[in-house]
C-alpha atoms as a PDB file:
ATOM      1  CA  MET A   1      62.803  93.461 110.236  1.00  0.00           C
ATOM      2  CA  SER A   2      66.506  93.558 111.071  1.00  0.00           C
ATOM      3  CA  ALA A   3      68.151  90.616 112.791  1.00  0.00           C
ATOM      4  CA  PRO A   4      68.730  90.933 116.542  1.00  0.00           C
ATOM      5  CA  PRO A   5      72.262  91.933 117.556  1.00  0.00           C
ATOM      6  CA  VAL A   6      74.713  89.097 118.127  1.00  0.00           C
ATOM      7  CA  THR A   7      76.249  88.639 121.565  1.00  0.00           C
ATOM      8  CA  LEU A   8      79.788  87.227 121.737  1.00  0.00           C
ATOM      9  CA  ASP A   9      81.452  85.881 124.864  1.00  0.00           C
ATOM     10  CA  LEU A  10      85.096  86.812 124.410  1.00  0.00           C
ATOM     11  CA  LEU A  11      86.055  85.168 127.685  1.00  0.00           C
ATOM     12  CA  ALA A  12      84.700  81.780 126.631  1.00  0.00           C
ATOM     13  CA  ASP A  13      87.190  79.236 125.394  1.00  0.00           C
ATOM     14  CA  PRO A  14      88.471  80.176 121.915  1.00  0.00           C
ATOM     15  CA  VAL A  15      86.927  77.086 120.278  1.00  0.00           C
ATOM     16  CA  THR A  16      83.459  78.193 121.338  1.00  0.00           C
ATOM     17  CA  LEU A  17      84.297  81.726 120.269  1.00  0.00           C
ATOM     18  CA  THR A  18      85.464  80.472 116.861  1.00  0.00           C
ATOM     19  CA  ALA A  19      82.109  78.782 116.310  1.00  0.00           C
ATOM     20  CA  ALA A  20      80.265  81.938 117.336  1.00  0.00           C
ATOM     21  CA  LEU A  21      82.311  84.036 114.888  1.00  0.00           C
ATOM     22  CA  VAL A  22      81.688  81.567 112.055  1.00  0.00           C
ATOM     23  CA  ASP A  23      77.958  81.675 112.749  1.00  0.00           C
ATOM     24  CA  VAL A  24      77.895  85.405 111.892  1.00  0.00           C
ATOM     25  CA  PRO A  25      78.309  85.525 108.098  1.00  0.00           C
ATOM     26  CA  SER A  26      80.916  88.094 107.049  1.00  0.00           C
ATOM     27  CA  VAL A  27      81.656  87.702 103.357  1.00  0.00           C
ATOM     28  CA  SER A  28      83.945  90.476 102.102  1.00  0.00           C
ATOM     29  CA  GLY A  29      82.036  93.746 102.004  1.00  0.00           C
ATOM     30  CA  ASP A  30      79.388  92.508 104.435  1.00  0.00           C
ATOM     31  CA  GLU A  31      81.296  92.460 107.744  1.00  0.00           C
ATOM     32  CA  ARG A  32      79.212  95.026 109.615  1.00  0.00           C
ATOM     33  CA  ALA A  33      77.166  92.629 111.762  1.00  0.00           C
ATOM     34  CA  LEU A  34      80.299  90.847 112.936  1.00  0.00           C
ATOM     35  CA  ALA A  35      82.202  94.096 113.479  1.00  0.00           C
ATOM     36  CA  ASP A  36      79.273  95.421 115.538  1.00  0.00           C
ATOM     37  CA  ALA A  37      79.246  92.267 117.670  1.00  0.00           C
ATOM     38  CA  VAL A  38      83.006  92.346 118.259  1.00  0.00           C
ATOM     39  CA  GLN A  39      82.963  96.040 119.134  1.00  0.00           C
ATOM     40  CA  ALA A  40      80.100  95.594 121.597  1.00  0.00           C
ATOM     41  CA  ALA A  41      81.786  92.603 123.222  1.00  0.00           C
ATOM     42  CA  LEU A  42      85.094  94.422 123.653  1.00  0.00           C
ATOM     43  CA  ALA A  43      83.336  97.463 125.085  1.00  0.00           C
ATOM     44  CA  SER A  44      81.488  95.403 127.707  1.00  0.00           C
ATOM     45  CA  GLN A  45      84.030  92.681 128.486  1.00  0.00           C
ATOM     46  CA  ALA A  46      87.425  94.385 128.089  1.00  0.00           C
ATOM     47  CA  PRO A  47      87.299  97.722 129.929  1.00  0.00           C
ATOM     48  CA  HIS A  48      91.113  97.819 130.015  1.00  0.00           C
ATOM     49  CA  LEU A  49      91.234  98.394 126.251  1.00  0.00           C
ATOM     50  CA  GLU A  50      90.928 101.622 124.301  1.00  0.00           C
ATOM     51  CA  ILE A  51      88.629 100.943 121.321  1.00  0.00           C
ATOM     52  CA  LEU A  52      88.436 102.492 117.869  1.00  0.00           C
ATOM     53  CA  ARG A  53      85.909 101.761 115.105  1.00  0.00           C
ATOM     54  CA  SER A  54      86.862 102.553 111.519  1.00  0.00           C
ATOM     55  CA  GLY A  55      84.355 101.498 108.905  1.00  0.00           C
ATOM     56  CA  ASP A  56      83.961  97.764 109.489  1.00  0.00           C
ATOM     57  CA  ALA A  57      87.298  97.443 111.276  1.00  0.00           C
ATOM     58  CA  VAL A  58      87.556  97.231 115.056  1.00  0.00           C
ATOM     59  CA  LEU A  59      90.749  98.140 116.903  1.00  0.00           C
ATOM     60  CA  ALA A  60      91.621  97.955 120.585  1.00  0.00           C
ATOM     61  CA  ARG A  61      94.800  98.521 122.580  1.00  0.00           C
ATOM     62  CA  THR A  62      96.377  98.678 125.998  1.00  0.00           C
ATOM     63  CA  ARG A  63      98.347 101.668 127.210  1.00  0.00           C
ATOM     64  CA  LEU A  64     100.462 100.166 129.976  1.00  0.00           C
ATOM     65  CA  GLY A  65     103.779 101.752 129.078  1.00  0.00           C
ATOM     66  CA  ARG A  66     105.460  98.429 128.385  1.00  0.00           C
ATOM     67  CA  ALA A  67     108.839  98.357 126.602  1.00  0.00           C
ATOM     68  CA  ARG A  68     107.417  96.403 123.657  1.00  0.00           C
ATOM     69  CA  ARG A  69     104.140  96.563 121.740  1.00  0.00           C
ATOM     70  CA  VAL A  70     102.758  93.509 119.955  1.00  0.00           C
ATOM     71  CA  LEU A  71     100.045  93.938 117.338  1.00  0.00           C
ATOM     72  CA  LEU A  72      97.598  91.088 116.792  1.00  0.00           C
ATOM     73  CA  ALA A  73      95.897  91.369 113.419  1.00  0.00           C
ATOM     74  CA  GLY A  74      93.201  89.391 111.675  1.00  0.00           C
ATOM     75  CA  HIS A  75      90.622  89.912 108.962  1.00  0.00           C
ATOM     76  CA  LEU A  76      86.938  89.570 109.767  1.00  0.00           C
ATOM     77  CA  ASP A  77      85.854  88.708 106.246  1.00  0.00           C
ATOM     78  CA  THR A  78      85.599  85.361 104.490  1.00  0.00           C
ATOM     79  CA  VAL A  79      85.238  84.156 100.938  1.00  0.00           C
ATOM     80  CA  PRO A  80      81.642  83.457  99.796  1.00  0.00           C
ATOM     81  CA  ILE A  81      79.849  80.840 101.872  1.00  0.00           C
ATOM     82  CA  ALA A  82      79.666  77.357 100.334  1.00  0.00           C
ATOM     83  CA  ASP A  83      76.775  75.835 102.267  1.00  0.00           C
ATOM     84  CA  ASN A  84      79.075  75.745 105.312  1.00  0.00           C
ATOM     85  CA  VAL A  85      77.427  78.174 107.731  1.00  0.00           C
ATOM     86  CA  PRO A  86      76.436  77.723 110.510  1.00  0.00           C
ATOM     87  CA  SER A  87      79.386  75.890 111.993  1.00  0.00           C
ATOM     88  CA  ARG A  88      79.206  72.302 113.131  1.00  0.00           C
ATOM     89  CA  ARG A  89      81.436  70.242 115.377  1.00  0.00           C
ATOM     90  CA  GLU A  90      82.207  66.610 114.723  1.00  0.00           C
ATOM     91  CA  GLY A  91      84.455  64.983 117.276  1.00  0.00           C
ATOM     92  CA  GLY A  92      87.639  67.001 117.522  1.00  0.00           C
ATOM     93  CA  THR A  93      87.004  69.133 114.438  1.00  0.00           C
ATOM     94  CA  LEU A  94      85.056  72.345 113.929  1.00  0.00           C
ATOM     95  CA  TYR A  95      83.689  72.866 110.401  1.00  0.00           C
ATOM     96  CA  GLY A  96      82.475  76.027 108.729  1.00  0.00           C
ATOM     97  CA  CYS A  97      83.311  78.951 106.472  1.00  0.00           C
ATOM     98  CA  GLY A  98      86.240  80.842 107.967  1.00  0.00           C
ATOM     99  CA  THR A  99      87.183  78.229 110.573  1.00  0.00           C
ATOM    100  CA  SER A 100      90.642  78.020 109.027  1.00  0.00           C
ATOM    101  CA  ASP A 101      90.885  81.393 107.278  1.00  0.00           C
ATOM    102  CA  MET A 102      90.793  82.946 109.701  1.00  0.00           C
ATOM    103  CA  LYS A 103      88.131  83.119 112.354  1.00  0.00           C
ATOM    104  CA  SER A 104      89.975  80.642 114.558  1.00  0.00           C
ATOM    105  CA  GLY A 105      92.967  83.004 114.525  1.00  0.00           C
ATOM    106  CA  VAL A 106      90.693  85.975 115.200  1.00  0.00           C
ATOM    107  CA  ALA A 107      89.072  84.082 118.077  1.00  0.00           C
ATOM    108  CA  VAL A 108      92.425  83.307 119.702  1.00  0.00           C
ATOM    109  CA  MET A 109      93.646  86.888 119.409  1.00  0.00           C
ATOM    110  CA  THR A 110      90.402  88.517 120.508  1.00  0.00           C
ATOM    111  CA  HIS A 111      90.040  86.139 123.441  1.00  0.00           C
ATOM    112  CA  LEU A 112      93.559  86.900 124.683  1.00  0.00           C
ATOM    113  CA  ALA A 113      93.202  90.660 124.182  1.00  0.00           C
ATOM    114  CA  ALA A 114      90.139  90.570 126.417  1.00  0.00           C
ATOM    115  CA  ALA A 115      91.275  87.957 128.935  1.00  0.00           C
ATOM    116  CA  VAL A 116      94.897  88.982 129.555  1.00  0.00           C
ATOM    117  CA  ARG A 117      94.502  92.293 131.343  1.00  0.00           C
ATOM    118  CA  GLU A 118      98.127  92.691 132.468  1.00  0.00           C
ATOM    119  CA  PRO A 119     100.197  91.439 129.522  1.00  0.00           C
ATOM    120  CA  ALA A 120     103.982  91.633 129.615  1.00  0.00           C
ATOM    121  CA  HIS A 121     103.833  93.643 126.377  1.00  0.00           C
ATOM    122  CA  ASP A 122     101.414  96.324 125.318  1.00  0.00           C
ATOM    123  CA  VAL A 123      98.916  94.789 122.913  1.00  0.00           C
ATOM    124  CA  THR A 124      97.069  96.219 119.925  1.00  0.00           C
ATOM    125  CA  LEU A 125      94.237  94.229 118.362  1.00  0.00           C
ATOM    126  CA  VAL A 126      93.398  95.056 114.740  1.00  0.00           C
ATOM    127  CA  LEU A 127      90.404  93.275 113.175  1.00  0.00           C
ATOM    128  CA  TYR A 128      89.746  94.547 109.681  1.00  0.00           C
ATOM    129  CA  ASP A 129      87.573  94.154 106.624  1.00  0.00           C
ATOM    130  CA  CYS A 130      87.923  93.174 102.955  1.00  0.00           C
ATOM    131  CA  GLU A 131      91.141  91.162 103.003  1.00  0.00           C
ATOM    132  CA  GLU A 132      89.837  88.429 100.713  1.00  0.00           C
ATOM    133  CA  VAL A 133      89.234  90.779  97.777  1.00  0.00           C
ATOM    134  CA  GLU A 134      91.333  93.158  95.704  1.00  0.00           C
ATOM    135  CA  ALA A 135      94.075  95.023  97.550  1.00  0.00           C
ATOM    136  CA  ALA A 136      92.491  98.446  96.962  1.00  0.00           C
ATOM    137  CA  ARG A 137      89.564  97.531  99.265  1.00  0.00           C
ATOM    138  CA  ASN A 138      91.668  96.079 102.073  1.00  0.00           C
ATOM    139  CA  GLY A 139      90.749  97.675 105.394  1.00  0.00           C
ATOM    140  CA  LEU A 140      94.373  97.831 106.493  1.00  0.00           C
ATOM    141  CA  GLY A 141      95.054 100.299 103.709  1.00  0.00           C
ATOM    142  CA  ARG A 142      92.335 102.582 105.058  1.00  0.00           C
ATOM    143  CA  LEU A 143      93.712 102.234 108.589  1.00  0.00           C
ATOM    144  CA  GLU A 144      97.183 103.123 107.368  1.00  0.00           C
ATOM    145  CA  ARG A 145      95.836 106.276 105.736  1.00  0.00           C
ATOM    146  CA  GLU A 146      93.508 107.374 108.538  1.00  0.00           C
ATOM    147  CA  HIS A 147      94.874 105.900 111.781  1.00  0.00           C
ATOM    148  CA  ARG A 148      98.552 105.234 111.152  1.00  0.00           C
ATOM    149  CA  ASP A 149      99.518 105.535 114.840  1.00  0.00           C
ATOM    150  CA  TRP A 150      97.343 102.520 115.696  1.00  0.00           C
ATOM    151  CA  LEU A 151      99.580 100.301 113.572  1.00  0.00           C
ATOM    152  CA  ASP A 152     102.833 101.128 115.368  1.00  0.00           C
ATOM    153  CA  ALA A 153     104.339  98.045 117.002  1.00  0.00           C
ATOM    154  CA  ASP A 154     107.588  96.168 117.566  1.00  0.00           C
ATOM    155  CA  LEU A 155     106.017  93.031 116.083  1.00  0.00           C
ATOM    156  CA  ALA A 156     102.851  92.290 114.137  1.00  0.00           C
ATOM    157  CA  LEU A 157     101.372  88.791 114.274  1.00  0.00           C
ATOM    158  CA  LEU A 158      98.864  87.904 111.553  1.00  0.00           C
ATOM    159  CA  GLY A 159      96.435  85.134 112.494  1.00  0.00           C
ATOM    160  CA  GLU A 160      96.518  83.624 109.007  1.00  0.00           C
ATOM    161  CA  PRO A 161      96.233  79.818 108.884  1.00  0.00           C
ATOM    162  CA  THR A 162      99.670  78.243 109.389  1.00  0.00           C
ATOM    163  CA  SER A 163      98.798  74.981 111.206  1.00  0.00           C
ATOM    164  CA  GLY A 164     100.450  76.395 114.316  1.00  0.00           C
ATOM    165  CA  GLN A 165     103.791  77.017 112.623  1.00  0.00           C
ATOM    166  CA  VAL A 166     105.494  80.344 112.165  1.00  0.00           C
ATOM    167  CA  GLU A 167     105.342  81.247 108.491  1.00  0.00           C
ATOM    168  CA  ALA A 168     107.751  84.062 107.762  1.00  0.00           C
ATOM    169  CA  GLY A 169     107.355  86.770 105.181  1.00  0.00           C
ATOM    170  CA  CYS A 170     105.185  86.113 102.146  1.00  0.00           C
ATOM    171  CA  GLN A 171     105.278  85.864  98.393  1.00  0.00           C
ATOM    172  CA  GLY A 172     104.476  88.809  96.208  1.00  0.00           C
ATOM    173  CA  THR A 173     101.756  88.559  93.598  1.00  0.00           C
ATOM    174  CA  LEU A 174     101.365  90.015  90.124  1.00  0.00           C
ATOM    175  CA  ARG A 175      98.379  89.449  87.855  1.00  0.00           C
ATOM    176  CA  VAL A 176      98.300  90.343  84.178  1.00  0.00           C
ATOM    177  CA  VAL A 177      95.874  89.782  81.324  1.00  0.00           C
ATOM    178  CA  VAL A 178      97.364  88.640  78.031  1.00  0.00           C
ATOM    179  CA  ARG A 179      95.212  89.597  75.041  1.00  0.00           C
ATOM    180  CA  THR A 180      95.258  87.966  71.632  1.00  0.00           C
ATOM    181  CA  THR A 181      93.207  89.130  68.675  1.00  0.00           C
ATOM    182  CA  GLY A 182      91.939  87.670  65.421  1.00  0.00           C
ATOM    183  CA  ARG A 183      89.207  88.173  62.840  1.00  0.00           C
ATOM    184  CA  ARG A 184      85.632  86.926  63.112  1.00  0.00           C
ATOM    185  CA  ALA A 185      84.206  84.530  60.579  1.00  0.00           C
ATOM    186  CA  HIS A 186      81.509  81.897  60.314  1.00  0.00           C
ATOM    187  CA  SER A 187      82.945  78.645  61.656  1.00  0.00           C
ATOM    188  CA  ALA A 188      81.744  76.878  58.499  1.00  0.00           C
ATOM    189  CA  ARG A 189      84.111  79.154  56.552  1.00  0.00           C
ATOM    190  CA  SER A 190      86.827  79.345  59.156  1.00  0.00           C
ATOM    191  CA  TRP A 191      89.565  79.998  56.587  1.00  0.00           C
ATOM    192  CA  LEU A 192      88.135  83.490  56.225  1.00  0.00           C
ATOM    193  CA  GLY A 193      88.886  84.301  59.862  1.00  0.00           C
ATOM    194  CA  GLU A 194      91.724  84.268  62.366  1.00  0.00           C
ATOM    195  CA  ASN A 195      91.063  82.438  65.641  1.00  0.00           C
ATOM    196  CA  ALA A 196      92.106  84.504  68.673  1.00  0.00           C
ATOM    197  CA  ILE A 197      91.804  81.487  70.988  1.00  0.00           C
ATOM    198  CA  HIS A 198      94.235  79.539  68.825  1.00  0.00           C
ATOM    199  CA  ALA A 199      96.535  82.564  68.934  1.00  0.00           C
ATOM    200  CA  ALA A 200      96.723  82.125  72.702  1.00  0.00           C
ATOM    201  CA  ALA A 201      98.348  78.694  72.313  1.00  0.00           C
ATOM    202  CA  PRO A 202     101.907  80.112  72.370  1.00  0.00           C
ATOM    203  CA  VAL A 203     101.076  81.910  75.626  1.00  0.00           C
ATOM    204  CA  LEU A 204      99.986  78.646  77.221  1.00  0.00           C
ATOM    205  CA  ALA A 205     103.004  76.850  75.776  1.00  0.00           C
ATOM    206  CA  ARG A 206     105.407  79.322  77.359  1.00  0.00           C
ATOM    207  CA  LEU A 207     103.663  78.961  80.704  1.00  0.00           C
ATOM    208  CA  ALA A 208     103.655  75.160  80.463  1.00  0.00           C
ATOM    209  CA  ASP A 209     107.385  75.144  79.694  1.00  0.00           C
ATOM    210  CA  TYR A 210     108.245  77.678  82.415  1.00  0.00           C
ATOM    211  CA  THR A 211     110.656  76.510  85.120  1.00  0.00           C
ATOM    212  CA  ALA A 212     109.839  78.114  88.457  1.00  0.00           C
ATOM    213  CA  ARG A 213     112.585  79.317  90.773  1.00  0.00           C
ATOM    214  CA  ASP A 214     113.220  78.176  94.353  1.00  0.00           C
ATOM    215  CA  VAL A 215     115.112  80.569  96.616  1.00  0.00           C
ATOM    216  CA  ASP A 216     116.310  80.256 100.218  1.00  0.00           C
ATOM    217  CA  ILE A 217     116.009  83.408 102.339  1.00  0.00           C
ATOM    218  CA  ASP A 218     117.016  83.237 106.016  1.00  0.00           C
ATOM    219  CA  GLY A 219     116.487  79.483 105.998  1.00  0.00           C
ATOM    220  CA  CYS A 220     113.006  79.769 104.476  1.00  0.00           C
ATOM    221  CA  ARG A 221     112.543  78.279 101.013  1.00  0.00           C
ATOM    222  CA  TYR A 222     110.198  80.193  98.732  1.00  0.00           C
ATOM    223  CA  ARG A 223     108.887  78.504  95.583  1.00  0.00           C
ATOM    224  CA  GLU A 224     107.713  80.715  92.769  1.00  0.00           C
ATOM    225  CA  GLY A 225     104.959  79.987  90.264  1.00  0.00           C
ATOM    226  CA  LEU A 226     103.745  81.454  86.973  1.00  0.00           C
ATOM    227  CA  GLN A 227     100.336  80.118  86.019  1.00  0.00           C
ATOM    228  CA  ALA A 228      97.418  80.764  83.714  1.00  0.00           C
ATOM    229  CA  VAL A 229      94.458  81.077  86.087  1.00  0.00           C
ATOM    230  CA  ARG A 230      91.659  82.045  83.707  1.00  0.00           C
ATOM    231  CA  ILE A 231      90.945  82.088  79.972  1.00  0.00           C
ATOM    232  CA  ALA A 232      88.073  83.890  78.290  1.00  0.00           C
ATOM    233  CA  GLY A 233      87.095  84.021  74.647  1.00  0.00           C
ATOM    234  CA  GLY A 234      84.463  83.036  72.149  1.00  0.00           C
ATOM    235  CA  VAL A 235      81.397  84.641  70.654  1.00  0.00           C
ATOM    236  CA  ALA A 236      79.011  81.836  69.749  1.00  0.00           C
ATOM    237  CA  GLY A 237      79.062  78.189  68.785  1.00  0.00           C
ATOM    238  CA  ASN A 238      79.350  79.015  65.094  1.00  0.00           C
ATOM    239  CA  VAL A 239      81.733  81.996  65.161  1.00  0.00           C
ATOM    240  CA  VAL A 240      85.521  82.089  64.878  1.00  0.00           C
ATOM    241  CA  PRO A 241      86.452  84.336  67.832  1.00  0.00           C
ATOM    242  CA  ASP A 242      88.337  87.588  67.338  1.00  0.00           C
ATOM    243  CA  ALA A 243      89.413  88.136  70.950  1.00  0.00           C
ATOM    244  CA  CYS A 244      90.817  86.049  73.786  1.00  0.00           C
ATOM    245  CA  GLU A 245      92.151  86.907  77.234  1.00  0.00           C
ATOM    246  CA  VAL A 246      94.433  84.759  79.384  1.00  0.00           C
ATOM    247  CA  THR A 247      94.840  85.843  83.006  1.00  0.00           C
ATOM    248  CA  VAL A 248      98.266  84.989  84.386  1.00  0.00           C
ATOM    249  CA  ASN A 249      99.322  85.068  88.038  1.00  0.00           C
ATOM    250  CA  PHE A 250     102.970  85.270  89.132  1.00  0.00           C
ATOM    251  CA  ARG A 251     103.695  84.375  92.759  1.00  0.00           C
ATOM    252  CA  PHE A 252     107.242  85.514  93.416  1.00  0.00           C
ATOM    253  CA  ALA A 253     109.788  85.257  96.214  1.00  0.00           C
ATOM    254  CA  PRO A 254     110.215  88.360  98.397  1.00  0.00           C
ATOM    255  CA  ASP A 255     113.769  88.991  97.184  1.00  0.00           C
ATOM    256  CA  ARG A 256     112.167  90.353  94.004  1.00  0.00           C
ATOM    257  CA  SER A 257     110.700  93.856  93.968  1.00  0.00           C
ATOM    258  CA  LEU A 258     107.459  94.542  92.126  1.00  0.00           C
ATOM    259  CA  ASP A 259     109.421  96.054  89.262  1.00  0.00           C
ATOM    260  CA  ASP A 260     111.650  92.949  89.136  1.00  0.00           C
ATOM    261  CA  ALA A 261     108.512  90.803  88.934  1.00  0.00           C
ATOM    262  CA  ARG A 262     107.004  92.967  86.211  1.00  0.00           C
ATOM    263  CA  ASN A 263     110.179  92.797  84.159  1.00  0.00           C
ATOM    264  CA  HIS A 264     110.379  89.033  84.604  1.00  0.00           C
ATOM    265  CA  VAL A 265     106.826  88.412  83.412  1.00  0.00           C
ATOM    266  CA  ALA A 266     107.277  90.824  80.523  1.00  0.00           C
ATOM    267  CA  GLY A 267     110.358  88.860  79.496  1.00  0.00           C
ATOM    268  CA  VAL A 268     108.634  85.477  79.678  1.00  0.00           C
ATOM    269  CA  LEU A 269     105.667  86.778  77.670  1.00  0.00           C
ATOM    270  CA  ASP A 270     107.628  89.037  75.369  1.00  0.00           C
ATOM    271  CA  GLY A 271     105.747  89.907  72.201  1.00  0.00           C
ATOM    272  CA  PHE A 272     102.268  89.704  73.723  1.00  0.00           C
ATOM    273  CA  ASP A 273      99.892  92.463  74.810  1.00  0.00           C
ATOM    274  CA  LEU A 274      99.929  92.573  78.644  1.00  0.00           C
ATOM    275  CA  THR A 275      97.758  94.590  81.031  1.00  0.00           C
ATOM    276  CA  GLU A 276      98.475  94.535  84.771  1.00  0.00           C
ATOM    277  CA  THR A 277      95.349  94.087  86.885  1.00  0.00           C
ATOM    278  CA  ASP A 278      96.711  93.498  90.392  1.00  0.00           C
ATOM    279  CA  ALA A 279     100.058  93.680  92.155  1.00  0.00           C
ATOM    280  CA  ALA A 280     101.393  93.513  95.692  1.00  0.00           C
ATOM    281  CA  PRO A 281     104.993  93.156  96.878  1.00  0.00           C
ATOM    282  CA  GLY A 282     106.128  90.308  99.085  1.00  0.00           C
ATOM    283  CA  ALA A 283     107.746  90.566 102.498  1.00  0.00           C
ATOM    284  CA  LEU A 284     111.140  89.300 103.599  1.00  0.00           C
ATOM    285  CA  PRO A 285     111.140  86.950 106.618  1.00  0.00           C
ATOM    286  CA  GLY A 286     112.291  89.593 109.119  1.00  0.00           C
ATOM    287  CA  LEU A 287     113.377  86.938 111.606  1.00  0.00           C
ATOM    288  CA  ALA A 288     116.344  88.927 112.921  1.00  0.00           C
ATOM    289  CA  ALA A 289     114.149  91.470 114.715  1.00  0.00           C
ATOM    290  CA  PRO A 290     114.354  90.825 118.497  1.00  0.00           C
ATOM    291  CA  ALA A 291     110.599  90.662 119.002  1.00  0.00           C
ATOM    292  CA  ALA A 292     110.244  88.236 116.086  1.00  0.00           C
ATOM    293  CA  ALA A 293     113.085  86.049 117.341  1.00  0.00           C
ATOM    294  CA  ASP A 294     111.523  85.942 120.805  1.00  0.00           C
ATOM    295  CA  PHE A 295     108.165  84.883 119.388  1.00  0.00           C
ATOM    296  CA  VAL A 296     109.724  82.140 117.276  1.00  0.00           C
ATOM    297  CA  ALA A 297     111.513  80.873 120.388  1.00  0.00           C
ATOM    298  CA  ALA A 298     108.233  80.901 122.311  1.00  0.00           C
ATOM    299  CA  THR A 299     106.588  78.675 119.684  1.00  0.00           C
ATOM    300  CA  GLY A 300     109.393  76.090 119.730  1.00  0.00           C
ATOM    301  CA  THR A 301     109.035  75.684 115.957  1.00  0.00           C
ATOM    302  CA  THR A 302     111.294  76.273 112.958  1.00  0.00           C
ATOM    303  CA  PRO A 303     109.971  79.066 110.709  1.00  0.00           C
ATOM    304  CA  VAL A 304     109.030  78.217 107.133  1.00  0.00           C
ATOM    305  CA  ALA A 305     108.206  80.357 104.124  1.00  0.00           C
ATOM    306  CA  LYS A 306     104.684  81.677 103.660  1.00  0.00           C
ATOM    307  CA  TYR A 307     103.216  80.620 100.324  1.00  0.00           C
ATOM    308  CA  GLY A 308     100.731  83.179  99.168  1.00  0.00           C
ATOM    309  CA  TRP A 309     100.381  86.882  99.901  1.00  0.00           C
ATOM    310  CA  THR A 310      99.339  88.121 103.319  1.00  0.00           C
ATOM    311  CA  ASP A 311      99.188  91.445 105.050  1.00  0.00           C
ATOM    312  CA  VAL A 312     102.586  90.887 106.631  1.00  0.00           C
ATOM    313  CA  ALA A 313     103.693  92.678 103.455  1.00  0.00           C
ATOM    314  CA  ARG A 314     101.818  95.820 104.496  1.00  0.00           C
ATOM    315  CA  PHE A 315     103.490  95.838 107.893  1.00  0.00           C
ATOM    316  CA  ALA A 316     106.899  95.079 106.404  1.00  0.00           C
ATOM    317  CA  ALA A 317     106.466  98.100 104.106  1.00  0.00           C
ATOM    318  CA  LEU A 318     105.916 100.195 107.248  1.00  0.00           C
ATOM    319  CA  GLY A 319     109.141  98.858 108.776  1.00  0.00           C
ATOM    320  CA  ILE A 320     107.298  96.652 111.288  1.00  0.00           C
ATOM    321  CA  PRO A 321     108.503  93.036 111.623  1.00  0.00           C
ATOM    322  CA  ALA A 322     105.573  90.728 110.938  1.00  0.00           C
ATOM    323  CA  LEU A 323     104.935  86.984 111.088  1.00  0.00           C
ATOM    324  CA  ASN A 324     102.040  84.683 110.203  1.00  0.00           C
ATOM    325  CA  PHE A 325     100.801  82.444 113.014  1.00  0.00           C
ATOM    326  CA  GLY A 326      97.393  80.817 113.308  1.00  0.00           C
ATOM    327  CA  PRO A 327      95.730  77.490 114.134  1.00  0.00           C
ATOM    328  CA  GLY A 328      94.054  76.908 110.766  1.00  0.00           C
ATOM    329  CA  ASP A 329      95.306  74.680 107.952  1.00  0.00           C
ATOM    330  CA  PRO A 330      96.049  76.816 104.869  1.00  0.00           C
ATOM    331  CA  ASN A 331      95.294  73.861 102.600  1.00  0.00           C
ATOM    332  CA  LEU A 332      91.670  73.918 103.781  1.00  0.00           C
ATOM    333  CA  ALA A 333      91.145  77.647 103.383  1.00  0.00           C
ATOM    334  CA  HIS A 334      88.390  78.629 100.940  1.00  0.00           C
ATOM    335  CA  THR A 335      87.141  75.047 100.533  1.00  0.00           C
ATOM    336  CA  ARG A 336      83.676  73.614 101.171  1.00  0.00           C
ATOM    337  CA  GLU A 337      85.309  71.315 103.720  1.00  0.00           C
ATOM    338  CA  GLU A 338      87.008  74.171 105.596  1.00  0.00           C
ATOM    339  CA  SER A 339      87.662  73.167 109.196  1.00  0.00           C
ATOM    340  CA  VAL A 340      90.017  73.506 112.127  1.00  0.00           C
ATOM    341  CA  PRO A 341      91.051  70.906 114.742  1.00  0.00           C
ATOM    342  CA  VAL A 342      89.840  71.874 118.187  1.00  0.00           C
ATOM    343  CA  GLU A 343      93.215  71.007 119.688  1.00  0.00           C
ATOM    344  CA  ALA A 344      94.963  73.314 117.191  1.00  0.00           C
ATOM    345  CA  VAL A 345      92.921  76.282 118.394  1.00  0.00           C
ATOM    346  CA  THR A 346      93.712  75.478 122.013  1.00  0.00           C
ATOM    347  CA  ALA A 347      97.411  74.967 121.281  1.00  0.00           C
ATOM    348  CA  ALA A 348      97.736  78.257 119.397  1.00  0.00           C
ATOM    349  CA  CYS A 349      96.021  80.070 122.244  1.00  0.00           C
ATOM    350  CA  ASP A 350      98.421  78.536 124.757  1.00  0.00           C
ATOM    351  CA  VAL A 351     101.479  79.545 122.714  1.00  0.00           C
ATOM    352  CA  LEU A 352     100.308  83.096 122.217  1.00  0.00           C
ATOM    353  CA  ARG A 353      99.236  83.442 125.831  1.00  0.00           C
ATOM    354  CA  GLY A 354     102.696  82.330 126.926  1.00  0.00           C
ATOM    355  CA  TYR A 355     104.365  84.903 124.717  1.00  0.00           C
ATOM    356  CA  LEU A 356     102.117  87.764 125.842  1.00  0.00           C
ATOM    357  CA  THR A 357     102.496  87.014 129.543  1.00  0.00           C
ATOM    358  CA  ARG A 358     106.220  86.185 129.669  1.00  0.00           C
ATOM    359  CA  ALA A 359     108.446  89.249 130.094  1.00  0.00           C
END
């Protein structure tokens, strides 16, 4: 028997709405129940919005003829649940999977899209699927291919966790697998073999000795990093292994192109067999755009660099200025202890409401 449909109250306070969103599990690839609930709530509670459903993404927009359009974007999916659903509230903190990344941001944006019926700017709400997995599955890519006009805007705001700050741009990311080979032998006669895991030691040494670059772009300092994030090898407890793989992740500042990043990693790991497994360019801060500058002024904060990759890069590639702004703490994202302060959700809602209603 299927579970009964979920009913969301978009006009409730965004803290309550955050808890309701968390209580509908939506691990990447399994967002349908939450997308259905959001779509039904928008249809019944926000008659001023035009609604579009695309796969497990839900989009809505005003058509008021305003001079500026602001796009509010957030992903519906979460990383796998770690015994932290349903949500729970303890004092001034709401705990649960996705509270920080990024159902609190989604709650704020969805609440305002429904509640503010005469915004000073036209508003587009884009809630999409599969952000927390490989880039090829990201719902924004599908929307770009199939519904490009829905992404047009003068400014895109991503509800990623930023602790209420404006985080500008984002790092790019490049992932490669470094392969070393050897020759199998019985470990009791190891001199007859060549150990592929031992052959990976120079790879790890280069990474350990690597000096990461800091770069200032428009007053935002981006710190790069080149790290081994996984190592795999071995056959059995009595076998000298003949193959080893080291996965390496390069997080690079947005003044590098993807090709620059590829060339840099190839230079650092020159002489080794590399296979690229994932890549996405970064995004420059884009703070000079009028709509972006106005939003920064509305927050009363000083923008900082975004560490990590976010979908601001997709909007930047489309020529749309984009910023990260959400109530969650990025340091708590993806953890068992993931949480969001109640006051942070309320404060983010107040800031965004002020921006959307002030001409």
